[in-house]
């Protein structure tokens, strides 16, 4: 399968490049932001999306002044595109020289939100390929994981790296940038708008997720006078947030990483982008700066890089 955008019709014309650009726009909600992430022109992104829509015979995005929003067909395509790119990443990893013979140990630290929404796929792929590498997982707060990484008790951390404190001692790499979105129950009047301003929901009750320092980020917005809603509940459970939002007891402002359209009770949850330049929540890797990478660490980092290509690209910082 070639990365060049094909000009002929039929299933063989679909390309990996189209899938990657489609995923990038879906993740960022904007052609311009997607183009900036991969370092190409907006016209190239637009052409790839249009070609993909023509090949599939379906409209994948609703276009508006402030960005792009997936249609129902686009949401279905998102699952397939991720599957295709992850399968390609798996094939690349599987073809490395005799991975089944690699031995050793890998100590991985992970924060709670990342453990719930990123870790399982990455870890299962790694263990499927490198069967003899022994994995030890430590789940804790970001600050404590930083302490363990600097002290050499952990080899690598999979966490939110946008809040790293000790950047002199730690090297990090962004795997996915997750924008903030407002979660709303079905039939909410604000759903008439594709993009919301802070003023639209400033006085409405909110449910706040406290895990992974997300409450700290919300507090910073409050101190800046941007976001000061009445808080009906603070919780460490994403499922509790979904249930409360689905039942109409409050809205939530959360990174897109955690969004799922249904609560455990079966209530529909919608999401809308927020206007303005909110900092993204960056999921990534962190390890001690200057430390030699063991073969297991190197392979884990490489696999995470490949996996991230199916979720919106990566950046080194």
Protein backbone atom coordinates (compact mmCIF):
# COMPACT_ATOMS: atom_id res chain seq x y z
CA UNK A 1 0.00 0.00 0.00
CA UNK A 2 1.56 3.28 -1.09
CA UNK A 3 1.62 6.55 0.81
CA UNK A 4 1.03 8.47 -2.44
CA UNK A 5 -2.57 9.59 -2.90
CA UNK A 6 -3.89 7.51 -5.78
CA UNK A 7 -5.95 9.02 -8.57
CA UNK A 8 -7.84 5.92 -9.62
CA UNK A 9 -11.07 4.72 -8.06
CA UNK A 10 -11.73 1.53 -6.17
CA UNK A 11 -10.56 0.06 -2.86
CA UNK A 12 -6.95 -0.12 -4.08
CA UNK A 13 -6.85 3.69 -4.24
CA UNK A 14 -7.05 4.07 -0.45
CA UNK A 15 -3.68 5.07 0.99
CA UNK A 16 -2.02 5.12 4.39
CA UNK A 17 -1.45 8.84 3.94
CA UNK A 18 -5.19 9.44 3.61
CA UNK A 19 -5.81 7.46 6.78
CA UNK A 20 -3.10 9.37 8.69
CA UNK A 21 -4.37 12.78 7.59
CA UNK A 22 -7.97 11.79 8.33
CA UNK A 23 -6.96 10.74 11.86
CA UNK A 24 -4.99 13.93 12.39
CA UNK A 25 -7.98 16.12 11.44
CA UNK A 26 -10.29 13.97 13.57
CA UNK A 27 -7.95 14.34 16.58
CA UNK A 28 -7.34 18.08 16.24
CA UNK A 29 -10.72 19.16 14.84
CA UNK A 30 -9.00 21.47 12.38
CA UNK A 31 -7.28 21.24 8.99
CA UNK A 32 -4.86 24.01 9.92
CA UNK A 33 -3.86 22.37 13.22
CA UNK A 34 -3.49 19.00 11.49
CA UNK A 35 -1.26 20.56 8.83
CA UNK A 36 0.88 22.16 11.52
CA UNK A 37 1.29 18.86 13.37
CA UNK A 38 2.64 16.97 10.35
CA UNK A 39 4.40 19.92 8.70
CA UNK A 40 2.59 19.96 5.36
CA UNK A 41 0.24 22.38 3.60
CA UNK A 42 -3.44 22.68 4.45
CA UNK A 43 -4.26 22.02 0.79
CA UNK A 44 -2.54 18.63 0.96
CA UNK A 45 -4.62 17.68 4.02
CA UNK A 46 -7.82 18.91 2.36
CA UNK A 47 -7.06 17.03 -0.87
CA UNK A 48 -6.41 13.80 1.02
CA UNK A 49 -9.67 14.10 2.99
CA UNK A 50 -11.67 14.91 -0.15
CA UNK A 51 -10.13 11.96 -1.99
CA UNK A 52 -10.96 9.66 0.92
CA UNK A 53 -14.55 10.89 1.01
CA UNK A 54 -14.88 10.32 -2.73
CA UNK A 55 -13.48 6.80 -2.50
CA UNK A 56 -15.83 5.90 0.36
CA UNK A 57 -18.83 7.74 -1.02
CA UNK A 58 -19.50 9.25 2.42
CA UNK A 59 -19.15 12.64 4.05
CA UNK A 60 -16.69 12.19 6.92
CA UNK A 61 -16.66 15.73 8.34
CA UNK A 62 -19.05 18.61 8.87
CA UNK A 63 -17.16 21.78 8.04
CA UNK A 64 -17.75 25.06 9.87
CA UNK A 65 -15.91 28.34 10.35
CA UNK A 66 -13.87 27.18 13.32
CA UNK A 67 -12.98 23.65 12.32
CA UNK A 68 -14.12 20.17 11.39
CA UNK A 69 -16.47 17.78 13.20
CA UNK A 70 -16.90 14.09 12.43
CA UNK A 71 -20.19 12.90 10.97
CA UNK A 72 -21.67 9.58 12.09
CA UNK A 73 -19.97 7.98 9.06
CA UNK A 74 -16.75 9.69 10.12
CA UNK A 75 -16.95 8.15 13.59
CA UNK A 76 -17.35 4.69 12.03
CA UNK A 77 -14.43 5.36 9.71
CA UNK A 78 -12.30 6.48 12.66
CA UNK A 79 -12.41 2.99 14.17
CA UNK A 80 -11.43 1.36 10.86
CA UNK A 81 -8.63 3.85 10.16
CA UNK A 82 -7.10 3.26 13.58
CA UNK A 83 -7.34 -0.49 13.05
CA UNK A 84 -5.56 -0.24 9.68
CA UNK A 85 -2.71 1.94 10.92
CA UNK A 86 -2.27 -0.10 14.08
CA UNK A 87 -2.13 -3.28 11.97
CA UNK A 88 0.61 -1.72 9.83
CA UNK A 89 2.49 -0.70 12.99
CA UNK A 90 2.17 -4.26 14.30
CA UNK A 91 3.51 -5.66 11.03
CA UNK A 92 6.53 -3.35 11.17
CA UNK A 93 7.27 -4.34 14.74
CA UNK A 94 6.79 -8.05 14.03
CA UNK A 95 9.34 -7.96 11.19
CA UNK A 96 12.16 -6.72 13.42
CA UNK A 97 14.98 -9.18 13.80
CA UNK A 98 13.96 -12.08 16.10
CA UNK A 99 12.04 -10.05 18.72
CA UNK A 100 10.92 -13.27 20.39
CA UNK A 101 14.51 -13.81 21.57
CA UNK A 102 14.81 -10.51 23.42
CA UNK A 103 15.00 -10.90 27.19
CA UNK A 104 15.22 -8.52 30.10
CA UNK A 105 12.92 -6.45 32.31
CA UNK A 106 11.07 -3.20 31.80
CA UNK A 107 9.74 -1.10 34.69
CA UNK A 108 6.98 1.21 33.49
CA UNK A 109 5.27 3.96 35.44
CA UNK A 110 1.81 5.10 34.35
CA UNK A 111 -0.69 7.65 35.60
CA UNK A 112 -4.33 6.73 36.13
CA UNK A 113 -5.97 8.41 33.15
CA UNK A 114 -3.32 7.15 30.75
CA UNK A 115 -3.59 3.64 32.22
CA UNK A 116 -7.30 3.61 31.41
CA UNK A 117 -7.17 4.99 27.88
CA UNK A 118 -3.75 4.36 26.37
CA UNK A 119 -1.80 1.65 28.18
CA UNK A 120 -3.72 -1.54 27.37
CA UNK A 121 -3.28 -1.47 23.59
CA UNK A 122 0.39 -0.49 23.74
CA UNK A 123 1.25 -3.06 26.40
CA UNK A 124 -0.61 -5.92 24.71
CA UNK A 125 1.16 -5.24 21.42
CA UNK A 126 4.55 -5.09 23.12
CA UNK A 127 4.05 -8.32 25.07
CA UNK A 128 2.70 -10.11 22.01
CA UNK A 129 5.97 -9.37 20.18
CA UNK A 130 8.51 -9.42 23.02
CA UNK A 131 7.24 -12.37 25.01
CA UNK A 132 10.37 -12.90 27.14
CA UNK A 133 10.58 -9.32 28.46
CA UNK A 134 9.22 -9.11 32.02
CA UNK A 135 7.01 -6.08 32.61
CA UNK A 136 6.49 -4.40 35.98
CA UNK A 137 3.87 -1.65 36.14
CA UNK A 138 3.57 1.10 38.76
CA UNK A 139 0.47 3.32 38.71
CA UNK A 140 0.73 6.54 40.72
CA UNK A 141 0.60 10.32 40.56
CA UNK A 142 2.83 12.08 38.05
CA UNK A 143 5.00 13.74 40.71
CA UNK A 144 5.85 10.42 42.39
CA UNK A 145 6.56 8.73 39.05
CA UNK A 146 8.97 11.55 38.22
CA UNK A 147 10.77 10.85 41.50
CA UNK A 148 11.07 7.15 40.63
CA UNK A 149 12.30 7.90 37.11
CA UNK A 150 14.99 10.30 38.28
CA UNK A 151 16.07 7.81 40.95
CA UNK A 152 16.36 4.99 38.43
CA UNK A 153 13.62 2.87 40.01
CA UNK A 154 11.55 3.12 36.83
CA UNK A 155 12.85 2.80 33.29
CA UNK A 156 10.15 4.79 31.55
CA UNK A 157 6.91 6.60 32.27
CA UNK A 158 3.74 6.71 30.16
CA UNK A 159 1.90 9.77 31.41
CA UNK A 160 0.65 13.28 30.80
CA UNK A 161 3.92 15.05 29.96
CA UNK A 162 2.52 18.56 29.53
CA UNK A 163 2.76 18.98 33.33
CA UNK A 164 6.27 17.57 33.85
CA UNK A 165 8.08 19.41 36.65
CA UNK A 166 11.68 18.18 36.35
CA UNK A 167 12.41 18.78 32.67
CA UNK A 168 16.15 19.13 33.29
CA UNK A 169 16.41 15.59 34.64
CA UNK A 170 13.84 13.98 32.34
CA UNK A 171 13.62 13.61 28.60
CA UNK A 172 10.13 13.36 27.17
CA UNK A 173 8.36 12.69 23.92
CA UNK A 174 4.78 13.57 23.08
CA UNK A 175 2.77 10.73 21.57
CA UNK A 176 -0.66 12.33 21.41
CA UNK A 177 -2.05 15.79 21.94
CA UNK A 178 -5.59 15.72 23.25
CA UNK A 179 -7.71 18.90 23.01
CA UNK A 180 -10.26 19.83 25.65
CA UNK A 181 -13.94 19.35 24.89
CA UNK A 182 -17.14 20.05 26.79
CA UNK A 183 -19.27 16.97 27.52
CA UNK A 184 -23.02 17.48 27.46
CA UNK A 185 -26.09 15.24 27.82
CA UNK A 186 -28.28 14.45 24.82
CA UNK A 187 -30.84 17.12 23.90
CA UNK A 188 -28.91 19.86 25.72
CA UNK A 189 -29.66 23.30 24.20
CA UNK A 190 -25.95 24.06 23.71
CA UNK A 191 -25.69 21.16 21.25
CA UNK A 192 -27.12 23.48 18.60
CA UNK A 193 -23.61 24.99 18.38
CA UNK A 194 -20.65 23.10 16.93
CA UNK A 195 -18.09 25.16 18.89
CA UNK A 196 -18.73 26.67 22.31
CA UNK A 197 -17.39 29.81 23.95
CA UNK A 198 -16.58 29.85 27.66
CA UNK A 199 -19.36 32.34 28.14
CA UNK A 200 -21.88 29.79 26.86
CA UNK A 201 -21.43 27.52 29.88
CA UNK A 202 -19.71 29.68 32.50
CA UNK A 203 -22.65 29.59 34.93
CA UNK A 204 -23.81 26.02 34.30
CA UNK A 205 -23.11 23.25 36.86
CA UNK A 206 -20.03 21.13 36.16
CA UNK A 207 -18.63 17.78 37.21
CA UNK A 208 -14.84 17.89 37.66
CA UNK A 209 -12.46 14.98 37.12
CA UNK A 210 -9.65 15.29 39.68
CA UNK A 211 -7.31 12.55 38.43
CA UNK A 212 -3.98 13.22 36.68
CA UNK A 213 -3.94 16.86 37.78
CA UNK A 214 -6.84 17.78 35.52
CA UNK A 215 -8.40 19.62 38.44
CA UNK A 216 -5.20 21.70 38.68
CA UNK A 217 -5.58 22.71 35.05
CA UNK A 218 -9.20 23.70 35.64
CA UNK A 219 -8.10 25.67 38.71
CA UNK A 220 -5.59 27.59 36.58
CA UNK A 221 -8.38 28.49 34.17
CA UNK A 222 -10.45 29.64 37.13
CA UNK A 223 -7.62 31.80 38.48
CA UNK A 224 -7.34 33.44 35.07
CA UNK A 225 -11.04 34.25 35.20
CA UNK A 226 -11.73 32.09 32.14
CA UNK A 227 -13.66 29.25 33.71
CA UNK A 228 -15.46 29.49 37.05
CA UNK A 229 -18.54 27.28 36.92
CA UNK A 230 -20.35 25.94 39.98
CA UNK A 231 -18.91 22.47 40.75
CA UNK A 232 -21.51 19.86 41.72
CA UNK A 233 -18.94 17.09 42.28
CA UNK A 234 -15.22 16.29 42.09
CA UNK A 235 -14.36 12.67 41.38
CA UNK A 236 -11.44 10.45 40.35
CA UNK A 237 -13.75 8.25 38.26
CA UNK A 238 -14.27 8.99 34.57
CA UNK A 239 -17.25 6.63 34.57
CA UNK A 240 -18.84 8.69 37.36
CA UNK A 241 -18.37 11.81 35.26
CA UNK A 242 -20.00 10.09 32.28
CA UNK A 243 -22.95 8.94 34.38
CA UNK A 244 -23.54 12.37 35.92
CA UNK A 245 -23.27 14.14 32.57
CA UNK A 246 -25.48 11.55 30.86
CA UNK A 247 -28.16 12.05 33.52
CA UNK A 248 -28.07 15.81 33.03
CA UNK A 249 -26.64 16.66 36.46
CA UNK A 250 -23.76 18.70 35.08
CA UNK A 251 -21.41 19.33 32.20
CA UNK A 252 -17.71 18.41 32.11
CA UNK A 253 -14.57 19.85 30.54
CA UNK A 254 -12.17 17.00 29.74
CA UNK A 255 -9.47 16.02 27.24
CA UNK A 256 -10.79 14.26 24.17
CA UNK A 257 -8.69 11.21 25.09
CA UNK A 258 -11.30 10.18 27.67
CA UNK A 259 -14.42 10.80 25.57
CA UNK A 260 -16.81 7.92 24.95
CA UNK A 261 -20.34 8.53 23.64
CA UNK A 262 -22.21 6.36 26.19
CA UNK A 263 -22.37 6.07 29.97
CA UNK A 264 -22.55 2.69 31.72
CA UNK A 265 -26.29 3.25 32.08
CA UNK A 266 -26.64 3.71 28.32
CA UNK A 267 -27.16 7.49 28.34
CA UNK A 268 -25.83 9.36 25.31
CA UNK A 269 -23.03 11.88 25.86
CA UNK A 270 -22.16 14.53 23.30
CA UNK A 271 -19.00 16.64 23.08
CA UNK A 272 -18.23 20.06 21.65
CA UNK A 273 -14.95 21.86 21.02
CA UNK A 274 -14.14 25.02 22.94
CA UNK A 275 -13.14 28.20 21.13
CA UNK A 276 -9.80 29.74 21.99
CA UNK A 277 -6.27 28.48 22.49
CA UNK A 278 -6.55 26.14 25.47
CA UNK A 279 -3.36 24.16 26.12
CA UNK A 280 -3.67 20.55 25.02
CA UNK A 281 -3.27 17.58 27.35
CA UNK A 282 -0.16 15.84 26.01
CA UNK A 283 0.21 12.09 26.48
CA UNK A 284 3.76 10.85 26.13
CA UNK A 285 6.84 9.07 27.40
CA UNK A 286 9.39 10.24 29.96
CA UNK A 287 12.72 8.74 30.96
CA UNK A 288 15.86 9.88 32.78
CA UNK A 289 17.86 12.25 30.61
CA UNK A 290 21.23 10.82 29.58
CA UNK A 291 20.42 7.30 30.78
CA UNK A 292 21.39 4.53 28.34
CA UNK A 293 18.38 2.88 26.73
CA UNK A 294 18.17 -0.87 27.25
CA UNK A 295 17.04 -2.90 24.21
CA UNK A 296 13.63 -3.37 25.85
CA UNK A 297 13.27 0.38 26.46
CA UNK A 298 14.28 1.18 22.89
CA UNK A 299 11.75 -1.26 21.49
CA UNK A 300 9.01 0.01 23.80
CA UNK A 301 9.65 3.61 22.72
CA UNK A 302 9.65 2.56 19.06
CA UNK A 303 6.40 0.65 19.44
CA UNK A 304 4.76 3.62 21.18
CA UNK A 305 5.89 5.85 18.31
CA UNK A 306 4.40 3.48 15.74
CA UNK A 307 1.19 3.17 17.74
CA UNK A 308 0.84 6.93 18.07
CA UNK A 309 0.84 7.30 14.27
CA UNK A 310 -2.65 5.84 14.39
CA UNK A 311 -3.77 8.32 17.05
CA UNK A 312 -2.51 11.67 15.84
CA UNK A 313 1.28 11.84 15.53
CA UNK A 314 4.15 12.61 17.91
CA UNK A 315 6.61 15.34 18.80
CA UNK A 316 9.91 15.27 20.68
CA UNK A 317 10.54 17.99 23.27
